[in-house]
Amino acid sequence: MLMECYVDDSSDARHSKYYACGAAVGNHDQWDWFDMQWSHETHALKMPFRATDCEGGHGQFKNWPKPKRDALMGALVDIFLACKLFGVAAIVPVDEFRRSFPALRDRDAFFLAVTQVIMNMAHIANLAVFKAEMWFEQGPYNGMVHQVYDSVRALNWKPARSLGGIHFEGKKLRPLQAADLIARESFKHLDNLGVRKTRIPVRRMSDILCFMRWTEPALQRLAANGGPTNLMYLANLDAPDNAPQLVHFWKKSWAILEKEKPR
């Protein structure tokens, strides 16, 4: 069976707070049903849906009143829930990353988030006895993302064998718009934490989301073990009893997937 994973990223305008990488995940039938419903709700848009523009009233949403934008967001969350998709995101705080890896560039924080999401997709697919096919939005870092993907696939690590192909498409591909929503909500959740109430879309989808935030102790531990390119360390991140843990928000029980795997 095939698990289709669509991946996008989110950050603030200056890339000074967090890099978030989010994945929207489901099987082929779920995505077929999603595509029909999402097309119905967004057919009037002149451009592909982007959560940042919808939230802030920018771009094609410039003249939309807030209640209308909120209604569209609510309808899109309804689709996500009705199709029983789920979302995973890895979030890397930029300041903590800089302190832990002073010799690396800020964009390496983004690639750490990407690497973690790819490895989580492999892990989930392995649990469910699926093959994971992944789609990313086309962009300037396609080659580097592909290189990360190939490096994970080449690992002597059982879940790596669950990775199938990798694809790069434009935002007209509707499942990538869903991934955009997941990535944006994961970024906003961390950015708002302790300052504002949890956003309505996150509250509504809390049972089907898993957000993972890197902590500074975990980043420093990674730095002491070869850094972000040490993929086997990342594959066994939680193995040592004293390993610093990532902070999880609404962690989905992968045991559900284990029960659903084909006999």
C-alpha atoms as a PDB file:
ATOM      1  CA  MET A   1       0.000   0.000   0.000  1.00  0.00           C
ATOM      2  CA  LEU A   2       1.117   3.529  -0.752  1.00  0.00           C
ATOM      3  CA  MET A   3       1.321   6.412   1.722  1.00  0.00           C
ATOM      4  CA  GLU A   4       1.344   9.798  -0.028  1.00  0.00           C
ATOM      5  CA  CYS A   5       3.193  12.548   1.860  1.00  0.00           C
ATOM      6  CA  TYR A   6       3.069  16.189   0.785  1.00  0.00           C
ATOM      7  CA  VAL A   7       5.616  18.523   2.354  1.00  0.00           C
ATOM      8  CA  ASP A   8       5.957  22.300   2.665  1.00  0.00           C
ATOM      9  CA  ASP A   9       7.770  24.760   4.918  1.00  0.00           C
ATOM     10  CA  SER A  10       6.982  27.925   6.845  1.00  0.00           C
ATOM     11  CA  SER A  11       8.899  30.647   8.636  1.00  0.00           C
ATOM     12  CA  ASP A  12       8.711  34.345   9.453  1.00  0.00           C
ATOM     13  CA  ALA A  13       9.671  36.907   6.832  1.00  0.00           C
ATOM     14  CA  ARG A  14      13.228  37.305   8.180  1.00  0.00           C
ATOM     15  CA  HIS A  15      13.728  33.619   9.059  1.00  0.00           C
ATOM     16  CA  SER A  16      14.692  34.755  12.553  1.00  0.00           C
ATOM     17  CA  LYS A  17      12.359  32.711  14.770  1.00  0.00           C
ATOM     18  CA  TYR A  18      11.600  29.196  13.540  1.00  0.00           C
ATOM     19  CA  TYR A  19      11.934  27.014  10.495  1.00  0.00           C
ATOM     20  CA  ALA A  20       8.973  24.664  10.260  1.00  0.00           C
ATOM     21  CA  CYS A  21       8.582  21.765   7.860  1.00  0.00           C
ATOM     22  CA  GLY A  22       5.134  20.191   7.704  1.00  0.00           C
ATOM     23  CA  ALA A  23       3.735  17.104   6.002  1.00  0.00           C
ATOM     24  CA  ALA A  24       0.147  16.206   5.169  1.00  0.00           C
ATOM     25  CA  VAL A  25      -0.260  12.439   4.934  1.00  0.00           C
ATOM     26  CA  GLY A  26      -2.863   9.985   3.657  1.00  0.00           C
ATOM     27  CA  ASN A  27      -3.458   7.141   1.216  1.00  0.00           C
ATOM     28  CA  HIS A  28      -4.447   7.443  -2.448  1.00  0.00           C
ATOM     29  CA  ASP A  29      -8.201   7.164  -1.835  1.00  0.00           C
ATOM     30  CA  GLN A  30      -8.095   9.796   0.898  1.00  0.00           C
ATOM     31  CA  TRP A  31      -6.237  12.204  -1.392  1.00  0.00           C
ATOM     32  CA  ASP A  32      -8.677  11.593  -4.258  1.00  0.00           C
ATOM     33  CA  TRP A  33     -11.591  12.521  -2.023  1.00  0.00           C
ATOM     34  CA  PHE A  34      -9.625  15.474  -0.641  1.00  0.00           C
ATOM     35  CA  ASP A  35      -8.862  16.812  -4.122  1.00  0.00           C
ATOM     36  CA  MET A  36     -12.533  16.958  -5.103  1.00  0.00           C
ATOM     37  CA  GLN A  37     -13.578  18.742  -1.925  1.00  0.00           C
ATOM     38  CA  TRP A  38     -10.638  21.160  -1.829  1.00  0.00           C
ATOM     39  CA  SER A  39     -11.251  22.058  -5.475  1.00  0.00           C
ATOM     40  CA  HIS A  40     -14.879  22.852  -4.654  1.00  0.00           C
ATOM     41  CA  GLU A  41     -13.961  25.188  -1.772  1.00  0.00           C
ATOM     42  CA  THR A  42     -11.143  26.988  -3.599  1.00  0.00           C
ATOM     43  CA  HIS A  43     -12.494  27.104  -7.164  1.00  0.00           C
ATOM     44  CA  ALA A  44     -13.053  30.880  -6.983  1.00  0.00           C
ATOM     45  CA  LEU A  45      -9.422  31.606  -6.077  1.00  0.00           C
ATOM     46  CA  LYS A  46      -7.283  32.964  -8.892  1.00  0.00           C
ATOM     47  CA  MET A  47      -4.101  31.472  -7.436  1.00  0.00           C
ATOM     48  CA  PRO A  48      -3.258  28.426  -5.280  1.00  0.00           C
ATOM     49  CA  PHE A  49      -4.268  28.716  -1.630  1.00  0.00           C
ATOM     50  CA  ARG A  50      -1.556  29.900   0.749  1.00  0.00           C
ATOM     51  CA  ALA A  51      -2.333  29.919   4.457  1.00  0.00           C
ATOM     52  CA  THR A  52      -0.162  32.962   5.233  1.00  0.00           C
ATOM     53  CA  ASP A  53      -2.021  35.123   2.717  1.00  0.00           C
ATOM     54  CA  CYS A  54      -5.420  33.880   3.881  1.00  0.00           C
ATOM     55  CA  GLU A  55      -4.591  34.553   7.520  1.00  0.00           C
ATOM     56  CA  GLY A  56      -3.123  38.012   6.975  1.00  0.00           C
ATOM     57  CA  GLY A  57      -5.368  39.244   4.179  1.00  0.00           C
ATOM     58  CA  HIS A  58      -2.521  39.527   1.679  1.00  0.00           C
ATOM     59  CA  GLY A  59      -2.212  38.708  -2.023  1.00  0.00           C
ATOM     60  CA  GLN A  60      -5.446  37.408  -3.488  1.00  0.00           C
ATOM     61  CA  PHE A  61      -7.118  37.784  -0.082  1.00  0.00           C
ATOM     62  CA  LYS A  62      -6.354  41.514   0.164  1.00  0.00           C
ATOM     63  CA  ASN A  63      -9.987  42.564  -0.229  1.00  0.00           C
ATOM     64  CA  TRP A  64     -11.495  39.686   1.701  1.00  0.00           C
ATOM     65  CA  PRO A  65     -12.994  40.629   5.096  1.00  0.00           C
ATOM     66  CA  LYS A  66     -11.698  38.580   8.022  1.00  0.00           C
ATOM     67  CA  PRO A  67     -14.962  36.620   8.556  1.00  0.00           C
ATOM     68  CA  LYS A  68     -14.818  35.433   4.939  1.00  0.00           C
ATOM     69  CA  ARG A  69     -11.159  34.390   5.288  1.00  0.00           C
ATOM     70  CA  ASP A  70     -11.916  32.616   8.561  1.00  0.00           C
ATOM     71  CA  ALA A  71     -14.833  30.795   6.936  1.00  0.00           C
ATOM     72  CA  LEU A  72     -12.604  29.512   4.134  1.00  0.00           C
ATOM     73  CA  MET A  73      -9.988  28.333   6.613  1.00  0.00           C
ATOM     74  CA  GLY A  74     -12.683  26.580   8.623  1.00  0.00           C
ATOM     75  CA  ALA A  75     -14.005  24.844   5.500  1.00  0.00           C
ATOM     76  CA  LEU A  76     -10.506  23.644   4.562  1.00  0.00           C
ATOM     77  CA  VAL A  77      -9.944  22.269   8.061  1.00  0.00           C
ATOM     78  CA  ASP A  78     -13.307  20.487   7.716  1.00  0.00           C
ATOM     79  CA  ILE A  79     -11.957  18.787   4.572  1.00  0.00           C
ATOM     80  CA  PHE A  80      -8.753  17.738   6.307  1.00  0.00           C
ATOM     81  CA  LEU A  81     -10.777  16.155   9.121  1.00  0.00           C
ATOM     82  CA  ALA A  82     -13.397  14.558   6.851  1.00  0.00           C
ATOM     83  CA  CYS A  83     -10.709  12.900   4.737  1.00  0.00           C
ATOM     84  CA  LYS A  84      -8.986  11.581   7.888  1.00  0.00           C
ATOM     85  CA  LEU A  85      -5.588  12.881   6.853  1.00  0.00           C
ATOM     86  CA  PHE A  86      -2.960  13.596   9.459  1.00  0.00           C
ATOM     87  CA  GLY A  87      -0.207  16.153   9.816  1.00  0.00           C
ATOM     88  CA  VAL A  88       3.376  16.026  11.064  1.00  0.00           C
ATOM     89  CA  ALA A  89       5.737  18.963  11.515  1.00  0.00           C
ATOM     90  CA  ALA A  90       9.294  19.498  12.711  1.00  0.00           C
ATOM     91  CA  ILE A  91      10.174  22.943  14.026  1.00  0.00           C
ATOM     92  CA  VAL A  92      13.721  24.225  14.597  1.00  0.00           C
ATOM     93  CA  PRO A  93      14.221  27.444  16.625  1.00  0.00           C
ATOM     94  CA  VAL A  94      16.722  29.669  14.820  1.00  0.00           C
ATOM     95  CA  ASP A  95      18.446  31.261  17.859  1.00  0.00           C
ATOM     96  CA  GLU A  96      19.039  27.914  19.557  1.00  0.00           C
ATOM     97  CA  PHE A  97      20.298  26.457  16.291  1.00  0.00           C
ATOM     98  CA  ARG A  98      22.774  29.329  15.844  1.00  0.00           C
ATOM     99  CA  ARG A  99      24.151  28.861  19.347  1.00  0.00           C
ATOM    100  CA  SER A 100      24.502  25.113  18.880  1.00  0.00           C
ATOM    101  CA  PHE A 101      25.957  25.308  15.355  1.00  0.00           C
ATOM    102  CA  PRO A 102      27.758  28.676  15.012  1.00  0.00           C
ATOM    103  CA  ALA A 103      29.622  27.485  11.899  1.00  0.00           C
ATOM    104  CA  LEU A 104      26.464  26.520   9.981  1.00  0.00           C
ATOM    105  CA  ARG A 105      24.148  28.723   7.955  1.00  0.00           C
ATOM    106  CA  ASP A 106      20.623  29.502   9.094  1.00  0.00           C
ATOM    107  CA  ARG A 107      19.186  27.559   6.163  1.00  0.00           C
ATOM    108  CA  ASP A 108      20.776  24.432   7.645  1.00  0.00           C
ATOM    109  CA  ALA A 109      18.105  24.719  10.346  1.00  0.00           C
ATOM    110  CA  PHE A 110      15.563  24.300   7.541  1.00  0.00           C
ATOM    111  CA  PHE A 111      17.356  21.216   6.235  1.00  0.00           C
ATOM    112  CA  LEU A 112      17.371  19.700   9.733  1.00  0.00           C
ATOM    113  CA  ALA A 113      13.582  20.111   9.828  1.00  0.00           C
ATOM    114  CA  VAL A 114      13.287  18.596   6.342  1.00  0.00           C
ATOM    115  CA  THR A 115      15.510  15.661   7.312  1.00  0.00           C
ATOM    116  CA  GLN A 116      13.459  14.949  10.411  1.00  0.00           C
ATOM    117  CA  VAL A 117      10.178  14.975   8.480  1.00  0.00           C
ATOM    118  CA  ILE A 118      11.565  12.624   5.826  1.00  0.00           C
ATOM    119  CA  MET A 119      12.791  10.241   8.518  1.00  0.00           C
ATOM    120  CA  ASN A 120       9.457  10.396  10.326  1.00  0.00           C
ATOM    121  CA  MET A 121       7.645   9.550   7.097  1.00  0.00           C
ATOM    122  CA  ALA A 122       9.942   6.538   6.706  1.00  0.00           C
ATOM    123  CA  HIS A 123       9.277   5.493  10.302  1.00  0.00           C
ATOM    124  CA  ILE A 124       5.494   5.802   9.984  1.00  0.00           C
ATOM    125  CA  ALA A 125       5.441   3.954   6.651  1.00  0.00           C
ATOM    126  CA  ASN A 126       7.540   1.183   8.160  1.00  0.00           C
ATOM    127  CA  LEU A 127       5.112   0.815  11.086  1.00  0.00           C
ATOM    128  CA  ALA A 128       2.123   0.636   8.774  1.00  0.00           C
ATOM    129  CA  VAL A 129       3.861  -1.573   6.179  1.00  0.00           C
ATOM    130  CA  PHE A 130       3.324   1.090   3.526  1.00  0.00           C
ATOM    131  CA  LYS A 131       5.597   2.595   0.888  1.00  0.00           C
ATOM    132  CA  ALA A 132       6.012   6.357   1.367  1.00  0.00           C
ATOM    133  CA  GLU A 133       5.972   8.522  -1.739  1.00  0.00           C
ATOM    134  CA  MET A 134       6.849  12.186  -1.103  1.00  0.00           C
ATOM    135  CA  TRP A 135       6.075  15.459  -2.877  1.00  0.00           C
ATOM    136  CA  PHE A 136       7.761  18.812  -2.206  1.00  0.00           C
ATOM    137  CA  GLU A 137       7.010  22.244  -3.614  1.00  0.00           C
ATOM    138  CA  GLN A 138       9.374  23.282  -6.374  1.00  0.00           C
ATOM    139  CA  GLY A 139      11.923  25.811  -5.201  1.00  0.00           C
ATOM    140  CA  PRO A 140      15.571  26.890  -5.150  1.00  0.00           C
ATOM    141  CA  TYR A 141      16.605  24.065  -2.819  1.00  0.00           C
ATOM    142  CA  ASN A 142      15.191  21.133  -4.799  1.00  0.00           C
ATOM    143  CA  GLY A 143      18.627  19.652  -5.376  1.00  0.00           C
ATOM    144  CA  MET A 144      19.610  19.818  -1.714  1.00  0.00           C
ATOM    145  CA  VAL A 145      16.281  18.361  -0.570  1.00  0.00           C
ATOM    146  CA  HIS A 146      16.729  15.539  -3.082  1.00  0.00           C
ATOM    147  CA  GLN A 147      20.231  14.959  -1.714  1.00  0.00           C
ATOM    148  CA  VAL A 148      18.884  14.696   1.848  1.00  0.00           C
ATOM    149  CA  TYR A 149      16.211  12.266   0.659  1.00  0.00           C
ATOM    150  CA  ASP A 150      18.726  10.078  -1.160  1.00  0.00           C
ATOM    151  CA  SER A 151      21.008  10.075   1.900  1.00  0.00           C
ATOM    152  CA  VAL A 152      18.183   8.841   4.121  1.00  0.00           C
ATOM    153  CA  ARG A 153      17.205   6.158   1.595  1.00  0.00           C
ATOM    154  CA  ALA A 154      20.802   4.928   1.492  1.00  0.00           C
ATOM    155  CA  LEU A 155      20.959   4.386   5.264  1.00  0.00           C
ATOM    156  CA  ASN A 156      21.377   0.926   6.709  1.00  0.00           C
ATOM    157  CA  TRP A 157      18.136   1.526   8.633  1.00  0.00           C
ATOM    158  CA  LYS A 158      15.038  -0.606   8.137  1.00  0.00           C
ATOM    159  CA  PRO A 159      12.512   2.271   7.813  1.00  0.00           C
ATOM    160  CA  ALA A 160      14.616   3.777   5.003  1.00  0.00           C
ATOM    161  CA  ARG A 161      13.473   0.878   2.805  1.00  0.00           C
ATOM    162  CA  SER A 162       9.910   2.182   3.127  1.00  0.00           C
ATOM    163  CA  LEU A 163      10.735   5.344   1.193  1.00  0.00           C
ATOM    164  CA  GLY A 164       9.617   5.295  -2.439  1.00  0.00           C
ATOM    165  CA  GLY A 165      10.073   8.182  -4.843  1.00  0.00           C
ATOM    166  CA  ILE A 166      10.446  11.924  -4.429  1.00  0.00           C
ATOM    167  CA  HIS A 167       8.703  14.522  -6.601  1.00  0.00           C
ATOM    168  CA  PHE A 168       8.721  18.307  -6.960  1.00  0.00           C
ATOM    169  CA  GLU A 169       5.575  20.091  -8.107  1.00  0.00           C
ATOM    170  CA  GLY A 170       4.046  23.570  -8.135  1.00  0.00           C
ATOM    171  CA  LYS A 171       1.510  24.827  -5.593  1.00  0.00           C
ATOM    172  CA  LYS A 172      -1.318  24.105  -8.044  1.00  0.00           C
ATOM    173  CA  LEU A 173      -1.070  20.545  -6.733  1.00  0.00           C
ATOM    174  CA  ARG A 174      -3.780  20.781  -4.091  1.00  0.00           C
ATOM    175  CA  PRO A 175      -2.283  18.395  -1.503  1.00  0.00           C
ATOM    176  CA  LEU A 176       0.728  20.746  -1.356  1.00  0.00           C
ATOM    177  CA  GLN A 177      -1.719  23.474  -0.329  1.00  0.00           C
ATOM    178  CA  ALA A 178      -2.787  21.227   2.559  1.00  0.00           C
ATOM    179  CA  ALA A 179       0.876  20.786   3.505  1.00  0.00           C
ATOM    180  CA  ASP A 180       1.222  24.576   3.413  1.00  0.00           C
ATOM    181  CA  LEU A 181      -1.596  24.815   5.950  1.00  0.00           C
ATOM    182  CA  ILE A 182       0.041  22.259   8.279  1.00  0.00           C
ATOM    183  CA  ALA A 183       3.458  23.943   8.067  1.00  0.00           C
ATOM    184  CA  ARG A 184       1.981  27.384   8.718  1.00  0.00           C
ATOM    185  CA  GLU A 185      -0.101  26.223  11.682  1.00  0.00           C
ATOM    186  CA  SER A 186       2.912  24.498  13.248  1.00  0.00           C
ATOM    187  CA  PHE A 187       4.974  27.687  12.922  1.00  0.00           C
ATOM    188  CA  LYS A 188       2.185  29.873  14.321  1.00  0.00           C
ATOM    189  CA  HIS A 189       1.571  27.490  17.199  1.00  0.00           C
ATOM    190  CA  LEU A 190       5.168  27.797  18.377  1.00  0.00           C
ATOM    191  CA  ASP A 191       5.309  31.528  17.663  1.00  0.00           C
ATOM    192  CA  ASN A 192       2.140  32.156  19.691  1.00  0.00           C
ATOM    193  CA  LEU A 193       2.918  29.754  22.539  1.00  0.00           C
ATOM    194  CA  GLY A 194       2.529  31.481  25.883  1.00  0.00           C
ATOM    195  CA  VAL A 195       1.461  34.711  24.175  1.00  0.00           C
ATOM    196  CA  ARG A 196      -1.892  33.961  22.546  1.00  0.00           C
ATOM    197  CA  LYS A 197      -4.495  31.247  22.778  1.00  0.00           C
ATOM    198  CA  THR A 198      -4.020  28.148  20.654  1.00  0.00           C
ATOM    199  CA  ARG A 199      -5.327  28.835  17.181  1.00  0.00           C
ATOM    200  CA  ILE A 200      -8.702  27.383  16.215  1.00  0.00           C
ATOM    201  CA  PRO A 201      -7.408  25.230  13.318  1.00  0.00           C
ATOM    202  CA  VAL A 202      -4.838  23.603  15.613  1.00  0.00           C
ATOM    203  CA  ARG A 203      -7.420  23.007  18.343  1.00  0.00           C
ATOM    204  CA  ARG A 204      -9.780  21.418  15.831  1.00  0.00           C
ATOM    205  CA  MET A 205      -7.107  19.161  14.320  1.00  0.00           C
ATOM    206  CA  SER A 206      -5.274  18.384  17.565  1.00  0.00           C
ATOM    207  CA  ASP A 207      -6.060  14.650  17.450  1.00  0.00           C
ATOM    208  CA  ILE A 208      -4.459  14.225  14.032  1.00  0.00           C
ATOM    209  CA  LEU A 209      -1.376  16.433  14.442  1.00  0.00           C
ATOM    210  CA  CYS A 210       2.115  15.832  15.751  1.00  0.00           C
ATOM    211  CA  PHE A 211       4.327  18.910  16.115  1.00  0.00           C
ATOM    212  CA  MET A 212       7.930  18.316  17.217  1.00  0.00           C
ATOM    213  CA  ARG A 213      10.035  21.228  18.439  1.00  0.00           C
ATOM    214  CA  TRP A 214      13.792  20.944  18.818  1.00  0.00           C
ATOM    215  CA  THR A 215      15.090  22.070  22.197  1.00  0.00           C
ATOM    216  CA  GLU A 216      18.502  23.606  22.782  1.00  0.00           C
ATOM    217  CA  PRO A 217      19.759  20.599  24.818  1.00  0.00           C
ATOM    218  CA  ALA A 218      18.712  18.301  21.955  1.00  0.00           C
ATOM    219  CA  LEU A 219      20.482  20.537  19.421  1.00  0.00           C
ATOM    220  CA  GLN A 220      23.636  20.623  21.548  1.00  0.00           C
ATOM    221  CA  ARG A 221      23.533  16.851  21.873  1.00  0.00           C
ATOM    222  CA  LEU A 222      23.231  16.632  18.090  1.00  0.00           C
ATOM    223  CA  ALA A 223      26.212  18.988  17.729  1.00  0.00           C
ATOM    224  CA  ALA A 224      28.266  16.730  19.994  1.00  0.00           C
ATOM    225  CA  ASN A 225      27.382  13.738  17.810  1.00  0.00           C
ATOM    226  CA  GLY A 226      28.374  14.939  14.374  1.00  0.00           C
ATOM    227  CA  GLY A 227      25.629  17.448  13.636  1.00  0.00           C
ATOM    228  CA  PRO A 228      22.652  17.283  11.247  1.00  0.00           C
ATOM    229  CA  THR A 229      24.466  15.077   8.737  1.00  0.00           C
ATOM    230  CA  ASN A 230      24.772  12.224  11.263  1.00  0.00           C
ATOM    231  CA  LEU A 231      21.614  10.521  10.042  1.00  0.00           C
ATOM    232  CA  MET A 232      22.066   7.374  12.123  1.00  0.00           C
ATOM    233  CA  TYR A 233      22.103   9.527  15.253  1.00  0.00           C
ATOM    234  CA  LEU A 234      18.857  11.135  14.099  1.00  0.00           C
ATOM    235  CA  ALA A 235      17.408   7.692  13.376  1.00  0.00           C
ATOM    236  CA  ASN A 236      18.051   6.707  16.995  1.00  0.00           C
ATOM    237  CA  LEU A 237      17.375  10.095  18.549  1.00  0.00           C
ATOM    238  CA  ASP A 238      15.298   8.778  21.443  1.00  0.00           C
ATOM    239  CA  ALA A 239      17.277   5.592  22.034  1.00  0.00           C
ATOM    240  CA  PRO A 240      19.607   6.662  24.896  1.00  0.00           C
ATOM    241  CA  ASP A 241      17.781   6.829  28.222  1.00  0.00           C
ATOM    242  CA  ASN A 242      19.343  10.193  28.995  1.00  0.00           C
ATOM    243  CA  ALA A 243      18.881  11.728  25.529  1.00  0.00           C
ATOM    244  CA  PRO A 244      17.325  15.222  25.567  1.00  0.00           C
ATOM    245  CA  GLN A 245      13.799  14.887  24.228  1.00  0.00           C
ATOM    246  CA  LEU A 246      12.121  17.018  21.600  1.00  0.00           C
ATOM    247  CA  VAL A 247       8.983  18.795  22.754  1.00  0.00           C
ATOM    248  CA  HIS A 248       5.913  17.119  21.262  1.00  0.00           C
ATOM    249  CA  PHE A 249       2.548  18.803  20.847  1.00  0.00           C
ATOM    250  CA  TRP A 250      -0.481  16.547  20.366  1.00  0.00           C
ATOM    251  CA  LYS A 251       1.580  13.517  19.541  1.00  0.00           C
ATOM    252  CA  LYS A 252      -0.473  11.080  17.468  1.00  0.00           C
ATOM    253  CA  SER A 253      -0.326   7.466  18.582  1.00  0.00           C
ATOM    254  CA  TRP A 254       1.358   5.548  15.777  1.00  0.00           C
ATOM    255  CA  ALA A 255      -0.160   2.441  17.387  1.00  0.00           C
ATOM    256  CA  ILE A 256      -3.319   3.338  15.452  1.00  0.00           C
ATOM    257  CA  LEU A 257      -1.422   2.890  12.208  1.00  0.00           C
ATOM    258  CA  GLU A 258       0.063  -0.345  13.505  1.00  0.00           C
ATOM    259  CA  LYS A 259      -3.449  -1.714  14.081  1.00  0.00           C
ATOM    260  CA  GLU A 260      -4.530  -0.636  10.600  1.00  0.00           C
ATOM    261  CA  LYS A 261      -1.683  -2.284   8.701  1.00  0.00           C
ATOM    262  CA  PRO A 262      -2.773  -4.918   6.180  1.00  0.00           C
ATOM    263  CA  ARG A 263      -2.738  -8.540   7.335  1.00  0.00           C
END
